[in-house]
């Protein structure tokens, strides 16, 4: 299990890069599922892509103002539960969206949750991966040091294998939509949308 100190560092971009290759694990209703993180996006109160831009607190984003090492799970388009890792210290609202995983354990459970017949592209997007891992809004705010959702060391990803590109679906962020704050593992087939497309 990654220590709290991993999440409470001040550089959200370094943490977003560092999450690539880490293993996201869930134990929901006794069923264990896990996958290597292959795609992340960083968000900070300092830029307009973030739910907490300019330190604006709402009921939705309140967990972002807590200490790093907690889950921020919100509903997108009224359909998808999106899983984020809160970072930094209290009152410094920053988080990292986990956009895609490469499954490593519990593929059969994942397929059942998604009503899928094959594993291909099963967790290649932020909405799909939360359903596959059993993550929902009820997990918003829980500690990543607990027994339901946690992160572990996985496989080492060399800096040359990391691709930085603009984040997806934040046209509302103006110039900040162009910040290269999305990180993917070069050539990985589980990435939601290959950079440059």
N, C-alpha and C. Protein backbone atom coordinates (compact mmCIF):
# COMPACT_ATOMS: atom_id res chain seq x y z
N UNK A 1 0.84 -1.18 0.00
CA UNK A 1 0.00 0.00 0.00
C UNK A 1 0.89 1.25 0.00
N UNK A 2 0.57 2.20 -0.90
CA UNK A 2 1.37 3.42 -0.94
C UNK A 2 1.13 4.23 0.33
N UNK A 3 2.16 4.83 0.90
CA UNK A 3 2.00 5.61 2.13
C UNK A 3 1.32 6.96 1.87
N UNK A 4 0.76 7.54 2.91
CA UNK A 4 0.11 8.84 2.78
C UNK A 4 1.07 9.89 2.25
N UNK A 5 2.35 9.77 2.60
CA UNK A 5 3.34 10.75 2.16
C UNK A 5 3.44 10.82 0.64
N UNK A 6 3.13 9.72 -0.05
CA UNK A 6 3.16 9.72 -1.52
C UNK A 6 2.17 10.74 -2.07
N UNK A 7 0.99 10.80 -1.46
CA UNK A 7 -0.08 11.67 -1.96
C UNK A 7 0.04 13.11 -1.48
N UNK A 8 0.74 13.35 -0.40
CA UNK A 8 0.73 14.67 0.22
C UNK A 8 1.85 15.57 -0.23
N UNK A 9 2.55 15.15 -1.27
CA UNK A 9 3.57 16.03 -1.86
C UNK A 9 2.90 17.19 -2.57
N UNK A 10 3.65 18.25 -2.82
CA UNK A 10 3.06 19.48 -3.35
C UNK A 10 2.98 19.55 -4.87
N UNK A 11 3.64 18.66 -5.58
CA UNK A 11 3.67 18.72 -7.04
C UNK A 11 2.70 17.72 -7.65
N UNK A 12 1.50 18.19 -8.01
CA UNK A 12 0.47 17.30 -8.53
C UNK A 12 0.89 16.64 -9.85
N UNK A 13 1.70 17.33 -10.64
CA UNK A 13 2.16 16.76 -11.91
C UNK A 13 3.11 15.59 -11.68
N UNK A 14 3.99 15.74 -10.69
CA UNK A 14 4.92 14.65 -10.38
C UNK A 14 4.16 13.43 -9.86
N UNK A 15 3.12 13.67 -9.09
CA UNK A 15 2.33 12.55 -8.57
C UNK A 15 1.56 11.88 -9.70
N UNK A 16 1.00 12.69 -10.60
CA UNK A 16 0.25 12.13 -11.74
C UNK A 16 1.14 11.24 -12.60
N UNK A 17 2.38 11.68 -12.81
CA UNK A 17 3.33 10.85 -13.55
C UNK A 17 3.67 9.59 -12.75
N UNK A 18 3.86 9.80 -11.44
CA UNK A 18 4.26 8.70 -10.57
C UNK A 18 3.20 7.63 -10.39
N UNK A 19 1.94 7.97 -10.65
CA UNK A 19 0.87 6.98 -10.54
C UNK A 19 0.87 5.99 -11.69
N UNK A 20 1.49 6.36 -12.82
CA UNK A 20 1.54 5.43 -13.95
C UNK A 20 2.31 4.18 -13.56
N UNK A 21 1.70 3.03 -13.78
CA UNK A 21 2.31 1.77 -13.40
C UNK A 21 1.93 1.29 -12.01
N UNK A 22 1.39 2.18 -11.19
CA UNK A 22 0.94 1.76 -9.86
C UNK A 22 -0.31 0.90 -10.02
N UNK A 23 -0.59 0.06 -9.03
CA UNK A 23 -1.74 -0.83 -9.07
C UNK A 23 -2.87 -0.27 -8.24
N UNK A 24 -4.02 -0.05 -8.86
CA UNK A 24 -5.22 0.36 -8.16
C UNK A 24 -6.00 -0.90 -7.81
N UNK A 25 -6.29 -1.10 -6.53
CA UNK A 25 -6.93 -2.31 -6.05
C UNK A 25 -8.24 -1.97 -5.34
N UNK A 26 -9.28 -2.77 -5.58
CA UNK A 26 -10.51 -2.64 -4.82
C UNK A 26 -10.90 -4.00 -4.25
N UNK A 27 -11.52 -3.94 -3.07
CA UNK A 27 -12.11 -5.13 -2.47
C UNK A 27 -13.53 -4.74 -2.09
N UNK A 28 -14.45 -5.01 -3.00
CA UNK A 28 -15.85 -4.63 -2.83
C UNK A 28 -16.69 -5.89 -2.68
N UNK A 29 -17.44 -5.97 -1.58
CA UNK A 29 -18.25 -7.16 -1.32
C UNK A 29 -17.43 -8.45 -1.41
N UNK A 30 -16.19 -8.35 -0.93
CA UNK A 30 -15.31 -9.52 -0.90
C UNK A 30 -14.64 -9.87 -2.20
N UNK A 31 -14.94 -9.11 -3.26
CA UNK A 31 -14.36 -9.40 -4.58
C UNK A 31 -13.21 -8.45 -4.86
N UNK A 32 -12.04 -9.01 -5.15
CA UNK A 32 -10.85 -8.21 -5.41
C UNK A 32 -10.67 -8.01 -6.91
N UNK A 33 -10.48 -6.75 -7.30
CA UNK A 33 -10.14 -6.42 -8.69
C UNK A 33 -8.98 -5.44 -8.65
N UNK A 34 -8.16 -5.47 -9.69
CA UNK A 34 -6.99 -4.60 -9.70
C UNK A 34 -6.50 -4.36 -11.12
N UNK A 35 -5.80 -3.24 -11.29
CA UNK A 35 -5.21 -2.94 -12.59
C UNK A 35 -4.08 -1.95 -12.48
N UNK A 36 -3.16 -2.00 -13.43
CA UNK A 36 -2.08 -1.02 -13.50
C UNK A 36 -2.64 0.27 -14.10
N UNK A 37 -2.30 1.37 -13.51
CA UNK A 37 -2.73 2.67 -14.02
C UNK A 37 -1.90 3.02 -15.25
N UNK A 38 -2.59 3.33 -16.36
CA UNK A 38 -1.87 3.64 -17.60
C UNK A 38 -2.19 5.05 -18.12
N UNK A 39 -3.11 5.75 -17.46
CA UNK A 39 -3.49 7.10 -17.91
C UNK A 39 -4.01 7.91 -16.74
N UNK A 40 -3.49 9.13 -16.59
CA UNK A 40 -3.92 10.03 -15.52
C UNK A 40 -4.08 11.44 -16.05
N UNK A 41 -4.83 12.26 -15.31
CA UNK A 41 -4.92 13.70 -15.59
C UNK A 41 -4.82 14.45 -14.27
N UNK A 42 -4.00 15.49 -14.25
CA UNK A 42 -3.81 16.30 -13.04
C UNK A 42 -4.71 17.52 -13.05
N UNK A 43 -5.22 17.88 -11.87
CA UNK A 43 -6.07 19.06 -11.71
C UNK A 43 -5.66 19.83 -10.47
N UNK A 44 -5.62 21.15 -10.59
CA UNK A 44 -5.22 22.01 -9.48
C UNK A 44 -6.12 23.23 -9.39
N UNK A 45 -6.36 23.69 -8.18
CA UNK A 45 -7.17 24.89 -7.96
C UNK A 45 -6.64 26.10 -8.73
N UNK A 46 -5.41 26.05 -9.17
CA UNK A 46 -4.80 27.19 -9.86
C UNK A 46 -5.21 27.31 -11.32
N UNK A 47 -5.89 26.28 -11.85
CA UNK A 47 -6.25 26.33 -13.28
C UNK A 47 -7.73 26.03 -13.47
N UNK A 48 -8.26 26.47 -14.61
CA UNK A 48 -9.70 26.47 -14.82
C UNK A 48 -10.31 25.11 -15.17
N UNK A 49 -9.50 24.10 -15.36
CA UNK A 49 -10.04 22.78 -15.61
C UNK A 49 -10.52 22.09 -14.33
N UNK A 50 -10.12 22.65 -13.19
CA UNK A 50 -10.36 22.02 -11.89
C UNK A 50 -11.72 22.40 -11.31
N UNK A 51 -12.38 21.44 -10.66
CA UNK A 51 -13.65 21.72 -9.99
C UNK A 51 -13.50 22.74 -8.88
N UNK A 52 -12.29 22.88 -8.35
CA UNK A 52 -12.05 23.81 -7.24
C UNK A 52 -11.26 25.04 -7.69
N UNK A 53 -11.39 25.41 -8.95
CA UNK A 53 -10.67 26.57 -9.48
C UNK A 53 -10.90 27.79 -8.60
N UNK A 54 -9.82 28.53 -8.33
CA UNK A 54 -9.86 29.72 -7.48
C UNK A 54 -10.32 29.41 -6.06
N UNK A 55 -10.11 28.17 -5.63
CA UNK A 55 -10.46 27.75 -4.27
C UNK A 55 -11.94 27.87 -3.96
N UNK A 56 -12.79 27.69 -4.96
CA UNK A 56 -14.24 27.73 -4.74
C UNK A 56 -14.70 26.39 -4.20
N UNK A 57 -15.23 26.40 -2.98
CA UNK A 57 -15.70 25.18 -2.32
C UNK A 57 -17.17 24.96 -2.62
N UNK A 58 -17.52 23.71 -2.89
CA UNK A 58 -18.91 23.32 -3.08
C UNK A 58 -19.12 21.98 -2.37
N UNK A 59 -20.36 21.57 -2.26
CA UNK A 59 -20.63 20.27 -1.66
C UNK A 59 -19.96 19.17 -2.49
N UNK A 60 -19.92 19.38 -3.81
CA UNK A 60 -19.34 18.37 -4.70
C UNK A 60 -17.85 18.23 -4.50
N UNK A 61 -17.11 19.33 -4.40
CA UNK A 61 -15.65 19.26 -4.38
C UNK A 61 -15.02 19.32 -3.00
N UNK A 62 -15.81 19.31 -1.94
CA UNK A 62 -15.30 19.50 -0.58
C UNK A 62 -14.15 18.56 -0.24
N UNK A 63 -14.21 17.31 -0.69
CA UNK A 63 -13.16 16.35 -0.36
C UNK A 63 -11.81 16.77 -0.93
N UNK A 64 -11.81 17.56 -2.00
CA UNK A 64 -10.55 18.01 -2.59
C UNK A 64 -9.77 18.92 -1.65
N UNK A 65 -10.46 19.55 -0.69
CA UNK A 65 -9.81 20.46 0.24
C UNK A 65 -9.25 19.73 1.47
N UNK A 66 -9.47 18.44 1.52
CA UNK A 66 -8.91 17.65 2.62
C UNK A 66 -7.49 17.21 2.30
N UNK A 67 -6.86 16.44 3.18
CA UNK A 67 -5.49 15.99 2.95
C UNK A 67 -5.40 14.96 1.84
N UNK A 68 -4.27 14.92 1.17
CA UNK A 68 -4.04 13.93 0.12
C UNK A 68 -4.16 12.51 0.65
N UNK A 69 -4.52 11.60 -0.27
CA UNK A 69 -4.63 10.21 0.13
C UNK A 69 -6.07 9.76 0.34
N UNK A 70 -7.01 10.52 -0.23
CA UNK A 70 -8.42 10.16 -0.16
C UNK A 70 -8.98 10.07 -1.59
N UNK A 71 -10.13 9.40 -1.70
CA UNK A 71 -10.78 9.26 -3.00
C UNK A 71 -11.75 10.42 -3.22
N UNK A 72 -11.71 10.99 -4.42
CA UNK A 72 -12.70 11.97 -4.84
C UNK A 72 -13.46 11.32 -5.99
N UNK A 73 -14.70 10.95 -5.74
CA UNK A 73 -15.51 10.28 -6.74
C UNK A 73 -16.72 11.15 -7.03
N UNK A 74 -16.86 11.58 -8.28
CA UNK A 74 -17.99 12.43 -8.64
C UNK A 74 -18.74 11.85 -9.83
N UNK A 75 -19.95 12.33 -9.99
CA UNK A 75 -20.80 11.86 -11.07
C UNK A 75 -20.65 12.78 -12.27
N UNK A 76 -20.38 12.21 -13.43
CA UNK A 76 -20.18 12.97 -14.67
C UNK A 76 -21.33 12.67 -15.63
N UNK A 77 -21.94 13.73 -16.16
CA UNK A 77 -23.07 13.60 -17.09
C UNK A 77 -24.24 12.82 -16.49
N UNK A 78 -24.28 12.75 -15.16
CA UNK A 78 -25.35 12.03 -14.50
C UNK A 78 -25.30 10.53 -14.68
N UNK A 79 -24.18 10.03 -15.22
CA UNK A 79 -24.07 8.60 -15.55
C UNK A 79 -22.82 7.96 -14.94
N UNK A 80 -21.66 8.56 -15.23
CA UNK A 80 -20.38 7.93 -14.90
C UNK A 80 -19.83 8.40 -13.55
N UNK A 81 -19.39 7.46 -12.73
CA UNK A 81 -18.68 7.77 -11.51
C UNK A 81 -17.19 7.82 -11.86
N UNK A 82 -16.55 8.95 -11.61
CA UNK A 82 -15.14 9.10 -11.96
C UNK A 82 -14.28 9.13 -10.69
N UNK A 83 -13.22 8.33 -10.71
CA UNK A 83 -12.35 8.16 -9.54
C UNK A 83 -11.11 9.04 -9.64
N UNK A 84 -10.90 9.84 -8.60
CA UNK A 84 -9.75 10.73 -8.51
C UNK A 84 -9.01 10.48 -7.20
N UNK A 85 -7.72 10.72 -7.23
CA UNK A 85 -6.87 10.64 -6.05
C UNK A 85 -6.59 12.06 -5.58
N UNK A 86 -7.00 12.39 -4.35
CA UNK A 86 -6.73 13.71 -3.80
C UNK A 86 -5.26 13.79 -3.40
N UNK A 87 -4.62 14.93 -3.70
CA UNK A 87 -3.20 15.11 -3.38
C UNK A 87 -2.99 16.40 -2.59
N UNK A 88 -1.74 16.62 -2.21
CA UNK A 88 -1.30 17.81 -1.48
C UNK A 88 -1.84 17.82 -0.04
N UNK A 89 -1.60 18.94 0.65
CA UNK A 89 -2.04 19.09 2.04
C UNK A 89 -3.44 19.66 2.09
N UNK A 90 -4.01 19.75 3.29
CA UNK A 90 -5.34 20.33 3.45
C UNK A 90 -5.37 21.75 2.92
N UNK A 91 -6.50 22.13 2.38
CA UNK A 91 -6.77 23.46 1.82
C UNK A 91 -6.06 23.73 0.49
N UNK A 92 -5.32 22.77 -0.03
CA UNK A 92 -4.67 22.89 -1.34
C UNK A 92 -5.38 21.93 -2.28
N UNK A 93 -6.45 22.38 -2.90
CA UNK A 93 -7.33 21.49 -3.66
C UNK A 93 -6.69 21.01 -4.96
N UNK A 94 -6.20 19.79 -4.93
CA UNK A 94 -5.62 19.18 -6.12
C UNK A 94 -6.00 17.70 -6.15
N UNK A 95 -6.17 17.17 -7.34
CA UNK A 95 -6.53 15.76 -7.49
C UNK A 95 -6.09 15.25 -8.84
N UNK A 96 -6.06 13.94 -8.96
CA UNK A 96 -5.65 13.29 -10.20
C UNK A 96 -6.73 12.30 -10.62
N UNK A 97 -7.25 12.51 -11.82
CA UNK A 97 -8.25 11.60 -12.38
C UNK A 97 -7.52 10.38 -12.95
N UNK A 98 -7.96 9.20 -12.54
CA UNK A 98 -7.43 7.96 -13.12
C UNK A 98 -8.32 7.63 -14.31
N UNK A 99 -7.76 7.72 -15.52
CA UNK A 99 -8.54 7.59 -16.75
C UNK A 99 -8.56 6.19 -17.34
N UNK A 100 -7.52 5.39 -17.10
CA UNK A 100 -7.49 4.05 -17.70
C UNK A 100 -6.58 3.13 -16.92
N UNK A 101 -6.94 1.85 -16.96
CA UNK A 101 -6.18 0.79 -16.29
C UNK A 101 -5.93 -0.36 -17.24
N UNK A 102 -4.88 -1.11 -16.95
CA UNK A 102 -4.66 -2.40 -17.60
C UNK A 102 -4.97 -3.48 -16.56
N UNK A 103 -6.03 -4.27 -16.73
CA UNK A 103 -6.42 -5.23 -15.70
C UNK A 103 -5.32 -6.24 -15.36
N UNK A 104 -5.19 -6.53 -14.06
CA UNK A 104 -4.21 -7.53 -13.64
C UNK A 104 -4.82 -8.57 -12.71
N UNK A 105 -5.99 -8.30 -12.17
CA UNK A 105 -6.65 -9.27 -11.28
C UNK A 105 -8.16 -9.06 -11.31
N UNK A 106 -8.90 -10.14 -11.31
CA UNK A 106 -10.35 -10.06 -11.23
C UNK A 106 -11.04 -9.71 -12.53
N UNK A 107 -10.48 -10.10 -13.66
CA UNK A 107 -11.07 -9.75 -14.96
C UNK A 107 -12.48 -10.31 -15.11
N UNK A 108 -12.71 -11.49 -14.60
CA UNK A 108 -14.05 -12.09 -14.71
C UNK A 108 -15.09 -11.28 -13.94
N UNK A 109 -14.70 -10.78 -12.77
CA UNK A 109 -15.59 -9.93 -11.98
C UNK A 109 -15.87 -8.63 -12.73
N UNK A 110 -14.83 -8.07 -13.32
CA UNK A 110 -14.99 -6.84 -14.09
C UNK A 110 -15.96 -7.03 -15.25
N UNK A 111 -15.79 -8.13 -15.99
CA UNK A 111 -16.67 -8.39 -17.13
C UNK A 111 -18.12 -8.53 -16.69
N UNK A 112 -18.32 -9.19 -15.56
CA UNK A 112 -19.68 -9.37 -15.05
C UNK A 112 -20.30 -8.02 -14.70
N UNK A 113 -19.52 -7.15 -14.05
CA UNK A 113 -20.04 -5.83 -13.66
C UNK A 113 -20.39 -4.98 -14.87
N UNK A 114 -19.67 -5.18 -15.96
CA UNK A 114 -19.91 -4.39 -17.17
C UNK A 114 -20.78 -5.13 -18.20
N UNK A 115 -21.18 -6.34 -17.85
CA UNK A 115 -21.96 -7.16 -18.78
C UNK A 115 -21.20 -7.32 -20.11
N UNK A 116 -19.90 -7.57 -19.99
CA UNK A 116 -19.04 -7.70 -21.17
C UNK A 116 -18.71 -9.17 -21.42
N UNK A 117 -18.41 -9.48 -22.66
CA UNK A 117 -18.08 -10.86 -23.01
C UNK A 117 -16.59 -11.06 -23.27
N UNK A 118 -15.83 -9.97 -23.29
CA UNK A 118 -14.38 -10.09 -23.46
C UNK A 118 -13.69 -8.96 -22.70
N UNK A 119 -12.41 -9.13 -22.47
CA UNK A 119 -11.68 -8.15 -21.65
C UNK A 119 -11.18 -6.95 -22.45
N UNK A 120 -11.14 -7.05 -23.77
CA UNK A 120 -10.58 -5.97 -24.58
C UNK A 120 -11.25 -4.63 -24.26
N UNK A 121 -10.44 -3.63 -23.97
CA UNK A 121 -10.89 -2.25 -23.71
C UNK A 121 -11.82 -2.15 -22.50
N UNK A 122 -11.80 -3.13 -21.63
CA UNK A 122 -12.70 -3.20 -20.49
C UNK A 122 -12.55 -2.02 -19.53
N UNK A 123 -11.33 -1.57 -19.33
CA UNK A 123 -11.06 -0.48 -18.38
C UNK A 123 -10.33 0.67 -19.07
N UNK A 124 -10.67 0.90 -20.33
CA UNK A 124 -9.96 1.92 -21.14
C UNK A 124 -10.69 3.26 -21.13
N UNK A 125 -11.20 3.65 -19.99
CA UNK A 125 -11.87 4.93 -19.85
C UNK A 125 -12.29 5.11 -18.41
N UNK A 126 -12.42 6.36 -17.94
CA UNK A 126 -12.66 6.61 -16.52
C UNK A 126 -14.01 6.11 -16.00
N UNK A 127 -15.04 6.13 -16.85
CA UNK A 127 -16.34 5.63 -16.43
C UNK A 127 -16.38 4.11 -16.39
N UNK A 128 -15.74 3.48 -17.39
CA UNK A 128 -15.71 2.03 -17.45
C UNK A 128 -14.90 1.43 -16.30
N UNK A 129 -13.77 2.06 -15.99
CA UNK A 129 -12.91 1.45 -14.97
C UNK A 129 -13.54 1.49 -13.59
N UNK A 130 -14.31 2.55 -13.28
CA UNK A 130 -14.96 2.58 -11.97
C UNK A 130 -16.03 1.51 -11.87
N UNK A 131 -16.80 1.32 -12.93
CA UNK A 131 -17.81 0.25 -12.92
C UNK A 131 -17.14 -1.11 -12.79
N UNK A 132 -16.05 -1.31 -13.53
CA UNK A 132 -15.34 -2.58 -13.49
C UNK A 132 -14.78 -2.88 -12.10
N UNK A 133 -14.32 -1.85 -11.41
CA UNK A 133 -13.72 -2.04 -10.09
C UNK A 133 -14.73 -1.89 -8.95
N UNK A 134 -15.98 -1.57 -9.28
CA UNK A 134 -17.01 -1.46 -8.24
C UNK A 134 -16.98 -0.16 -7.47
N UNK A 135 -16.35 0.87 -8.05
CA UNK A 135 -16.24 2.17 -7.38
C UNK A 135 -17.46 3.03 -7.71
N UNK A 136 -18.04 3.67 -6.69
CA UNK A 136 -19.19 4.55 -6.91
C UNK A 136 -19.10 5.76 -5.98
N UNK A 137 -20.12 6.61 -6.05
CA UNK A 137 -20.15 7.82 -5.22
C UNK A 137 -20.09 7.49 -3.74
N UNK A 138 -20.50 6.31 -3.34
CA UNK A 138 -20.47 5.97 -1.92
C UNK A 138 -19.03 5.90 -1.40
N UNK A 139 -18.06 5.82 -2.32
CA UNK A 139 -16.65 5.78 -1.92
C UNK A 139 -16.01 7.16 -1.88
N UNK A 140 -16.77 8.19 -2.19
CA UNK A 140 -16.23 9.55 -2.16
C UNK A 140 -15.75 9.89 -0.76
N UNK A 141 -14.50 10.33 -0.65
CA UNK A 141 -13.95 10.76 0.63
C UNK A 141 -13.27 9.68 1.44
N UNK A 142 -13.33 8.41 1.01
CA UNK A 142 -12.71 7.37 1.84
C UNK A 142 -11.19 7.42 1.72
N UNK A 143 -10.53 6.97 2.77
CA UNK A 143 -9.08 6.93 2.79
C UNK A 143 -8.56 5.84 1.87
N UNK A 144 -7.46 6.13 1.20
CA UNK A 144 -6.81 5.14 0.35
C UNK A 144 -5.85 4.27 1.17
N UNK A 145 -5.97 4.38 2.49
CA UNK A 145 -5.22 3.51 3.40
C UNK A 145 -6.14 2.45 3.99
N UNK A 146 -7.36 2.37 3.47
CA UNK A 146 -8.35 1.45 4.02
C UNK A 146 -8.38 0.10 3.34
N UNK A 147 -9.51 -0.61 3.51
CA UNK A 147 -9.61 -1.98 3.04
C UNK A 147 -10.53 -2.14 1.83
N UNK A 148 -11.03 -1.02 1.28
CA UNK A 148 -11.90 -1.11 0.10
C UNK A 148 -11.20 -0.67 -1.18
N UNK A 149 -10.48 0.45 -1.10
CA UNK A 149 -9.74 0.97 -2.26
C UNK A 149 -8.35 1.39 -1.79
N UNK A 150 -7.33 0.93 -2.48
CA UNK A 150 -5.97 1.35 -2.15
C UNK A 150 -5.09 1.21 -3.38
N UNK A 151 -3.88 1.78 -3.28
CA UNK A 151 -2.91 1.69 -4.37
C UNK A 151 -1.64 1.03 -3.87
N UNK A 152 -1.03 0.26 -4.76
CA UNK A 152 0.21 -0.45 -4.44
C UNK A 152 1.25 -0.17 -5.51
N UNK A 153 2.48 -0.52 -5.19
CA UNK A 153 3.51 -0.50 -6.21
C UNK A 153 3.10 -1.49 -7.30
N UNK A 154 3.42 -1.18 -8.52
CA UNK A 154 3.07 -2.08 -9.61
C UNK A 154 4.28 -2.40 -10.45
N UNK A 155 4.31 -1.83 -11.66
CA UNK A 155 5.47 -2.03 -12.51
C UNK A 155 6.14 -0.67 -12.74
N UNK A 156 7.44 -0.69 -12.89
CA UNK A 156 8.20 0.54 -13.07
C UNK A 156 8.00 1.07 -14.48
N UNK A 157 7.74 2.37 -14.57
CA UNK A 157 7.57 3.02 -15.87
C UNK A 157 8.68 4.05 -16.02
N UNK A 158 9.52 3.88 -17.02
CA UNK A 158 10.64 4.81 -17.21
C UNK A 158 10.12 6.14 -17.76
N UNK A 159 10.79 7.24 -17.42
CA UNK A 159 10.35 8.55 -17.89
C UNK A 159 10.19 8.63 -19.41
N UNK A 160 10.99 7.92 -20.16
CA UNK A 160 10.90 7.99 -21.63
C UNK A 160 9.63 7.33 -22.16
N UNK A 161 8.96 6.52 -21.31
CA UNK A 161 7.73 5.86 -21.73
C UNK A 161 6.48 6.70 -21.42
N UNK A 162 6.68 7.86 -20.78
CA UNK A 162 5.54 8.69 -20.39
C UNK A 162 5.31 9.79 -21.43
N UNK A 163 4.08 9.88 -21.89
CA UNK A 163 3.70 10.90 -22.87
C UNK A 163 2.81 11.93 -22.18
N UNK A 164 3.16 13.20 -22.30
CA UNK A 164 2.34 14.29 -21.76
C UNK A 164 1.54 14.92 -22.90
N UNK A 165 0.26 15.16 -22.66
CA UNK A 165 -0.61 15.76 -23.67
C UNK A 165 -1.74 16.52 -22.98
N UNK A 166 -2.54 17.31 -23.72
CA UNK A 166 -3.66 18.03 -23.10
C UNK A 166 -4.72 17.07 -22.57
N UNK A 167 -5.41 17.51 -21.54
CA UNK A 167 -6.49 16.72 -20.95
C UNK A 167 -7.70 16.66 -21.89
N UNK A 168 -8.58 15.71 -21.61
CA UNK A 168 -9.71 15.45 -22.49
C UNK A 168 -11.01 16.03 -21.92
N UNK A 169 -11.82 16.63 -22.80
CA UNK A 169 -13.17 17.04 -22.43
C UNK A 169 -13.28 18.22 -21.50
N UNK A 170 -12.31 19.15 -21.55
CA UNK A 170 -12.41 20.33 -20.69
C UNK A 170 -12.37 21.62 -21.53
N UNK A 171 -13.15 21.66 -22.57
CA UNK A 171 -13.20 22.84 -23.43
C UNK A 171 -13.56 24.11 -22.66
N UNK A 172 -14.29 23.94 -21.57
CA UNK A 172 -14.70 25.08 -20.74
C UNK A 172 -13.53 25.78 -20.05
N UNK A 173 -12.35 25.17 -20.06
CA UNK A 173 -11.21 25.69 -19.31
C UNK A 173 -10.42 26.77 -20.04
N UNK A 174 -10.89 27.20 -21.21
CA UNK A 174 -10.17 28.24 -21.94
C UNK A 174 -8.77 27.81 -22.29
N UNK A 175 -7.81 28.71 -22.09
CA UNK A 175 -6.42 28.41 -22.43
C UNK A 175 -5.87 27.24 -21.62
N UNK A 176 -6.42 27.02 -20.42
CA UNK A 176 -5.91 25.94 -19.58
C UNK A 176 -6.22 24.55 -20.15
N UNK A 177 -7.13 24.47 -21.11
CA UNK A 177 -7.41 23.16 -21.72
C UNK A 177 -6.20 22.62 -22.49
N UNK A 178 -5.27 23.51 -22.82
CA UNK A 178 -4.10 23.11 -23.59
C UNK A 178 -2.91 22.68 -22.71
N UNK A 179 -3.04 22.82 -21.40
CA UNK A 179 -1.95 22.41 -20.52
C UNK A 179 -1.67 20.91 -20.72
N UNK A 180 -0.41 20.51 -20.83
CA UNK A 180 -0.09 19.10 -21.05
C UNK A 180 -0.10 18.31 -19.74
N UNK A 181 -1.28 18.22 -19.13
CA UNK A 181 -1.41 17.63 -17.80
C UNK A 181 -2.06 16.24 -17.84
N UNK A 182 -2.10 15.65 -19.01
CA UNK A 182 -2.56 14.27 -19.14
C UNK A 182 -1.33 13.40 -19.40
N UNK A 183 -1.24 12.29 -18.69
CA UNK A 183 -0.05 11.44 -18.81
C UNK A 183 -0.47 10.01 -19.14
N UNK A 184 0.18 9.46 -20.16
CA UNK A 184 -0.12 8.10 -20.60
C UNK A 184 1.17 7.31 -20.77
N UNK A 185 1.03 5.99 -20.76
CA UNK A 185 2.18 5.12 -21.04
C UNK A 185 2.22 4.90 -22.55
N UNK A 186 3.32 5.27 -23.14
CA UNK A 186 3.48 5.20 -24.59
C UNK A 186 3.15 3.82 -25.14
N UNK A 187 2.24 3.77 -26.13
CA UNK A 187 1.91 2.53 -26.82
C UNK A 187 1.02 1.57 -26.06
N UNK A 188 0.57 1.92 -24.87
CA UNK A 188 -0.27 1.00 -24.10
C UNK A 188 -1.67 0.92 -24.71
N UNK A 189 -2.16 -0.29 -24.93
CA UNK A 189 -3.44 -0.50 -25.63
C UNK A 189 -4.66 -0.15 -24.78
N UNK A 190 -4.45 0.07 -23.48
CA UNK A 190 -5.58 0.34 -22.59
C UNK A 190 -5.85 1.83 -22.43
N UNK A 191 -5.00 2.68 -22.97
CA UNK A 191 -5.21 4.13 -22.90
C UNK A 191 -6.55 4.48 -23.58
N UNK A 192 -7.31 5.37 -22.97
CA UNK A 192 -8.67 5.67 -23.48
C UNK A 192 -8.65 6.26 -24.89
N UNK A 193 -7.84 7.29 -25.09
CA UNK A 193 -7.70 7.91 -26.41
C UNK A 193 -6.22 8.17 -26.62
N UNK A 194 -5.59 7.56 -27.63
CA UNK A 194 -4.16 7.79 -27.85
C UNK A 194 -3.85 9.28 -28.02
N UNK A 195 -2.79 9.78 -27.39
CA UNK A 195 -2.42 11.19 -27.55
C UNK A 195 -2.29 11.57 -29.01
N UNK A 196 -2.75 12.76 -29.36
CA UNK A 196 -2.66 13.25 -30.71
C UNK A 196 -3.90 13.01 -31.54
N UNK A 197 -4.85 12.23 -31.01
CA UNK A 197 -6.09 11.97 -31.75
C UNK A 197 -7.17 12.98 -31.38
